[in-house]
Amino acid sequence: MRHEIKIPRKIKVGGHDYRVQMGKEVSADLQDRTYRGTHSDYRRIIKLDGSLRPQEISSTFIHEVTHAIDVINCNARLSEDDIRGVATGWHQVLEKFGVRFIK
């Protein structure tokens, strides 16, 4: 059984409200910079390339939320490799349970 969770427009991380943005302009900007997503702690925005395949959108959302968790709870001490490892691990666990974030 698959549990699809719609990615919200806002998500609370560590008591902070983050806006989640997707759309044609966001996707075009991210693709120009060869990114699948970004996280801005200063602006509290997570941007996702909505044109990705569903599994990639889910993994990218988890990756960018992991950046937010790192900034708020770990003072941004994790390296990009650490973030990638933790986010990939969570993505694999959630997929095994049938949980996927969708646009």
N, C-alpha and C. Protein backbone atom coordinates (compact mmCIF):
# COMPACT_ATOMS: atom_id res chain seq x y z
N MET A 1 0.83 -1.17 0.00
CA MET A 1 0.00 0.00 0.00
C MET A 1 0.89 1.25 0.00
N ARG A 2 0.55 2.20 -0.84
CA ARG A 2 1.32 3.44 -0.94
C ARG A 2 0.56 4.56 -0.24
N HIS A 3 1.30 5.35 0.53
CA HIS A 3 0.75 6.52 1.20
C HIS A 3 1.38 7.74 0.55
N GLU A 4 0.61 8.45 -0.23
CA GLU A 4 1.12 9.65 -0.88
C GLU A 4 0.71 10.86 -0.06
N ILE A 5 1.70 11.65 0.30
CA ILE A 5 1.48 12.84 1.11
C ILE A 5 1.78 14.06 0.24
N LYS A 6 0.78 14.89 0.06
CA LYS A 6 0.96 16.10 -0.75
C LYS A 6 1.93 17.05 -0.04
N ILE A 7 2.90 17.52 -0.77
CA ILE A 7 3.87 18.47 -0.22
C ILE A 7 3.11 19.76 0.09
N PRO A 8 3.16 20.20 1.35
CA PRO A 8 2.40 21.41 1.72
C PRO A 8 3.07 22.68 1.20
N ARG A 9 2.31 23.73 1.13
CA ARG A 9 2.87 25.03 0.74
C ARG A 9 3.69 25.63 1.87
N LYS A 10 3.38 25.20 3.10
CA LYS A 10 4.15 25.63 4.28
C LYS A 10 4.43 24.40 5.12
N ILE A 11 5.62 24.41 5.74
CA ILE A 11 5.99 23.34 6.65
C ILE A 11 6.71 23.97 7.84
N LYS A 12 6.42 23.48 9.01
CA LYS A 12 7.06 23.98 10.23
C LYS A 12 8.25 23.08 10.55
N VAL A 13 9.42 23.68 10.69
CA VAL A 13 10.63 22.95 11.05
C VAL A 13 11.23 23.65 12.26
N GLY A 14 11.30 22.94 13.37
CA GLY A 14 11.88 23.52 14.57
C GLY A 14 11.20 24.80 15.01
N GLY A 15 9.90 24.90 14.81
CA GLY A 15 9.17 26.09 15.20
C GLY A 15 9.21 27.22 14.18
N HIS A 16 9.89 27.01 13.07
CA HIS A 16 9.99 28.03 12.02
C HIS A 16 9.12 27.61 10.83
N ASP A 17 8.40 28.57 10.28
CA ASP A 17 7.56 28.30 9.11
C ASP A 17 8.37 28.49 7.83
N TYR A 18 8.43 27.43 7.05
CA TYR A 18 9.09 27.48 5.74
C TYR A 18 8.01 27.45 4.67
N ARG A 19 8.17 28.27 3.65
CA ARG A 19 7.31 28.19 2.47
C ARG A 19 7.94 27.21 1.50
N VAL A 20 7.12 26.43 0.84
CA VAL A 20 7.60 25.49 -0.17
C VAL A 20 7.09 25.99 -1.52
N GLN A 21 8.02 26.21 -2.43
CA GLN A 21 7.66 26.75 -3.74
C GLN A 21 7.98 25.76 -4.85
N MET A 22 7.02 25.63 -5.77
CA MET A 22 7.18 24.85 -6.99
C MET A 22 6.43 25.61 -8.08
N GLY A 23 6.76 25.34 -9.29
CA GLY A 23 6.08 25.98 -10.41
C GLY A 23 7.03 26.09 -11.58
N LYS A 24 6.51 26.57 -12.70
CA LYS A 24 7.32 26.64 -13.93
C LYS A 24 8.54 27.55 -13.76
N GLU A 25 8.33 28.73 -13.17
CA GLU A 25 9.45 29.66 -13.00
C GLU A 25 10.49 29.10 -12.04
N VAL A 26 10.04 28.51 -10.95
CA VAL A 26 10.95 27.91 -9.98
C VAL A 26 11.74 26.78 -10.64
N SER A 27 11.04 25.92 -11.37
CA SER A 27 11.71 24.80 -12.06
C SER A 27 12.74 25.30 -13.06
N ALA A 28 12.38 26.32 -13.84
CA ALA A 28 13.30 26.86 -14.85
C ALA A 28 14.55 27.43 -14.18
N ASP A 29 14.37 28.17 -13.10
CA ASP A 29 15.51 28.75 -12.38
C ASP A 29 16.41 27.66 -11.81
N LEU A 30 15.81 26.65 -11.19
CA LEU A 30 16.61 25.56 -10.63
C LEU A 30 17.34 24.79 -11.72
N GLN A 31 16.67 24.52 -12.83
CA GLN A 31 17.31 23.79 -13.93
C GLN A 31 18.47 24.59 -14.52
N ASP A 32 18.31 25.92 -14.62
CA ASP A 32 19.41 26.76 -15.12
C ASP A 32 20.64 26.64 -14.23
N ARG A 33 20.41 26.43 -12.95
CA ARG A 33 21.52 26.31 -12.00
C ARG A 33 21.89 24.86 -11.74
N THR A 34 21.26 23.94 -12.47
CA THR A 34 21.44 22.48 -12.35
C THR A 34 21.17 21.97 -10.93
N TYR A 35 20.12 22.50 -10.31
CA TYR A 35 19.66 22.06 -8.99
C TYR A 35 18.31 21.38 -9.12
N ARG A 36 18.05 20.45 -8.22
CA ARG A 36 16.72 19.84 -8.12
C ARG A 36 15.89 20.58 -7.07
N GLY A 37 16.59 21.23 -6.12
CA GLY A 37 15.92 21.98 -5.07
C GLY A 37 16.91 22.85 -4.33
N THR A 38 16.39 23.78 -3.55
CA THR A 38 17.23 24.64 -2.72
C THR A 38 16.53 24.90 -1.39
N HIS A 39 17.34 25.31 -0.44
CA HIS A 39 16.86 25.68 0.89
C HIS A 39 17.48 27.02 1.25
N SER A 40 16.66 27.96 1.69
CA SER A 40 17.17 29.25 2.17
C SER A 40 16.74 29.41 3.62
N ASP A 41 17.71 29.38 4.51
CA ASP A 41 17.42 29.59 5.92
C ASP A 41 17.00 31.03 6.16
N TYR A 42 17.68 31.96 5.51
CA TYR A 42 17.39 33.39 5.71
C TYR A 42 15.95 33.72 5.30
N ARG A 43 15.54 33.22 4.16
CA ARG A 43 14.18 33.50 3.66
C ARG A 43 13.16 32.47 4.12
N ARG A 44 13.63 31.36 4.70
CA ARG A 44 12.76 30.26 5.11
C ARG A 44 11.92 29.76 3.94
N ILE A 45 12.63 29.45 2.86
CA ILE A 45 11.99 28.96 1.63
C ILE A 45 12.68 27.69 1.18
N ILE A 46 11.88 26.72 0.79
CA ILE A 46 12.36 25.51 0.13
C ILE A 46 11.78 25.54 -1.28
N LYS A 47 12.65 25.44 -2.28
CA LYS A 47 12.21 25.43 -3.67
C LYS A 47 12.47 24.05 -4.26
N LEU A 48 11.49 23.55 -5.01
CA LEU A 48 11.59 22.23 -5.63
C LEU A 48 11.28 22.31 -7.10
N ASP A 49 12.03 21.54 -7.89
CA ASP A 49 11.76 21.42 -9.32
C ASP A 49 10.59 20.46 -9.49
N GLY A 50 9.43 21.00 -9.75
CA GLY A 50 8.22 20.20 -9.88
C GLY A 50 8.14 19.36 -11.14
N SER A 51 9.10 19.52 -12.04
CA SER A 51 9.08 18.74 -13.28
C SER A 51 9.79 17.39 -13.14
N LEU A 52 10.35 17.13 -11.95
CA LEU A 52 11.05 15.87 -11.72
C LEU A 52 10.06 14.71 -11.63
N ARG A 53 10.58 13.50 -11.77
CA ARG A 53 9.75 12.31 -11.57
C ARG A 53 9.29 12.26 -10.11
N PRO A 54 8.14 11.64 -9.84
CA PRO A 54 7.60 11.64 -8.47
C PRO A 54 8.60 11.19 -7.40
N GLN A 55 9.36 10.14 -7.65
CA GLN A 55 10.32 9.67 -6.66
C GLN A 55 11.41 10.72 -6.41
N GLU A 56 11.81 11.43 -7.47
CA GLU A 56 12.84 12.46 -7.31
C GLU A 56 12.31 13.68 -6.55
N ILE A 57 11.05 14.03 -6.78
CA ILE A 57 10.46 15.15 -6.03
C ILE A 57 10.45 14.80 -4.55
N SER A 58 10.04 13.57 -4.22
CA SER A 58 9.99 13.14 -2.84
C SER A 58 11.38 13.17 -2.20
N SER A 59 12.36 12.63 -2.87
CA SER A 59 13.72 12.59 -2.30
C SER A 59 14.30 14.00 -2.18
N THR A 60 13.99 14.87 -3.13
CA THR A 60 14.49 16.25 -3.07
C THR A 60 13.84 17.01 -1.93
N PHE A 61 12.55 16.81 -1.73
CA PHE A 61 11.86 17.45 -0.61
C PHE A 61 12.50 17.01 0.72
N ILE A 62 12.72 15.73 0.89
CA ILE A 62 13.35 15.21 2.10
C ILE A 62 14.75 15.81 2.27
N HIS A 63 15.50 15.91 1.18
CA HIS A 63 16.85 16.48 1.22
C HIS A 63 16.82 17.94 1.71
N GLU A 64 15.93 18.73 1.14
CA GLU A 64 15.87 20.15 1.49
C GLU A 64 15.35 20.35 2.92
N VAL A 65 14.41 19.53 3.36
CA VAL A 65 13.94 19.60 4.75
C VAL A 65 15.08 19.22 5.70
N THR A 66 15.91 18.27 5.29
CA THR A 66 17.06 17.88 6.11
C THR A 66 18.02 19.06 6.27
N HIS A 67 18.20 19.87 5.23
CA HIS A 67 19.00 21.09 5.35
C HIS A 67 18.39 22.01 6.41
N ALA A 68 17.07 22.19 6.38
CA ALA A 68 16.41 23.06 7.35
C ALA A 68 16.61 22.52 8.77
N ILE A 69 16.46 21.23 8.95
CA ILE A 69 16.67 20.61 10.27
C ILE A 69 18.11 20.85 10.74
N ASP A 70 19.06 20.68 9.83
CA ASP A 70 20.47 20.89 10.16
C ASP A 70 20.72 22.33 10.63
N VAL A 71 20.20 23.30 9.89
CA VAL A 71 20.44 24.70 10.25
C VAL A 71 19.84 25.02 11.61
N ILE A 72 18.62 24.57 11.84
CA ILE A 72 17.92 24.92 13.07
C ILE A 72 18.43 24.13 14.28
N ASN A 73 18.69 22.84 14.09
CA ASN A 73 19.03 22.00 15.23
C ASN A 73 20.52 21.69 15.39
N CYS A 74 21.30 21.85 14.34
CA CYS A 74 22.71 21.47 14.40
C CYS A 74 23.64 22.62 14.05
N ASN A 75 23.11 23.84 13.98
CA ASN A 75 23.92 25.02 13.64
C ASN A 75 24.66 24.86 12.32
N ALA A 76 24.02 24.18 11.37
CA ALA A 76 24.57 23.99 10.02
C ALA A 76 25.93 23.30 10.04
N ARG A 77 26.09 22.35 10.93
CA ARG A 77 27.37 21.64 11.04
C ARG A 77 27.53 20.51 10.04
N LEU A 78 26.43 20.01 9.49
CA LEU A 78 26.54 18.87 8.58
C LEU A 78 27.05 19.31 7.21
N SER A 79 27.90 18.49 6.63
CA SER A 79 28.38 18.76 5.27
C SER A 79 27.31 18.36 4.27
N GLU A 80 27.49 18.74 3.04
CA GLU A 80 26.54 18.33 1.99
C GLU A 80 26.52 16.81 1.86
N ASP A 81 27.66 16.16 2.02
CA ASP A 81 27.70 14.70 1.98
C ASP A 81 26.90 14.10 3.14
N ASP A 82 27.00 14.72 4.34
CA ASP A 82 26.22 14.25 5.48
C ASP A 82 24.72 14.41 5.21
N ILE A 83 24.34 15.57 4.70
CA ILE A 83 22.93 15.83 4.37
C ILE A 83 22.44 14.80 3.36
N ARG A 84 23.23 14.57 2.32
CA ARG A 84 22.85 13.62 1.28
C ARG A 84 22.67 12.22 1.87
N GLY A 85 23.57 11.82 2.75
CA GLY A 85 23.48 10.50 3.36
C GLY A 85 22.26 10.34 4.25
N VAL A 86 22.02 11.32 5.11
CA VAL A 86 20.86 11.26 6.00
C VAL A 86 19.56 11.31 5.19
N ALA A 87 19.48 12.23 4.24
CA ALA A 87 18.25 12.36 3.44
C ALA A 87 17.99 11.11 2.60
N THR A 88 19.04 10.55 2.02
CA THR A 88 18.87 9.33 1.23
C THR A 88 18.42 8.18 2.12
N GLY A 89 18.98 8.10 3.32
CA GLY A 89 18.55 7.08 4.26
C GLY A 89 17.08 7.21 4.62
N TRP A 90 16.64 8.43 4.95
CA TRP A 90 15.22 8.65 5.26
C TRP A 90 14.34 8.33 4.07
N HIS A 91 14.77 8.74 2.90
CA HIS A 91 13.99 8.47 1.69
C HIS A 91 13.80 6.97 1.50
N GLN A 92 14.87 6.20 1.68
CA GLN A 92 14.79 4.74 1.51
C GLN A 92 13.85 4.12 2.54
N VAL A 93 13.95 4.55 3.79
CA VAL A 93 13.08 4.02 4.84
C VAL A 93 11.62 4.34 4.54
N LEU A 94 11.36 5.60 4.20
CA LEU A 94 9.97 6.00 3.92
C LEU A 94 9.40 5.26 2.71
N GLU A 95 10.21 5.10 1.66
CA GLU A 95 9.75 4.37 0.48
C GLU A 95 9.42 2.92 0.83
N LYS A 96 10.24 2.31 1.70
CA LYS A 96 9.97 0.92 2.12
C LYS A 96 8.64 0.80 2.85
N PHE A 97 8.26 1.87 3.57
CA PHE A 97 6.98 1.91 4.25
C PHE A 97 5.85 2.37 3.33
N GLY A 98 6.19 2.68 2.08
CA GLY A 98 5.19 3.10 1.12
C GLY A 98 4.84 4.57 1.20
N VAL A 99 5.68 5.36 1.86
CA VAL A 99 5.41 6.79 2.01
C VAL A 99 6.17 7.57 0.95
N ARG A 100 5.44 8.39 0.23
CA ARG A 100 6.06 9.25 -0.80
C ARG A 100 5.41 10.63 -0.75
N PHE A 101 6.25 11.66 -0.83
CA PHE A 101 5.77 13.03 -0.91
C PHE A 101 5.51 13.36 -2.38
N ILE A 102 4.37 13.93 -2.67
CA ILE A 102 4.00 14.25 -4.06
C ILE A 102 3.64 15.72 -4.19
N LYS A 103 3.70 16.21 -5.44
CA LYS A 103 3.35 17.61 -5.66
C LYS A 103 1.86 17.81 -5.76
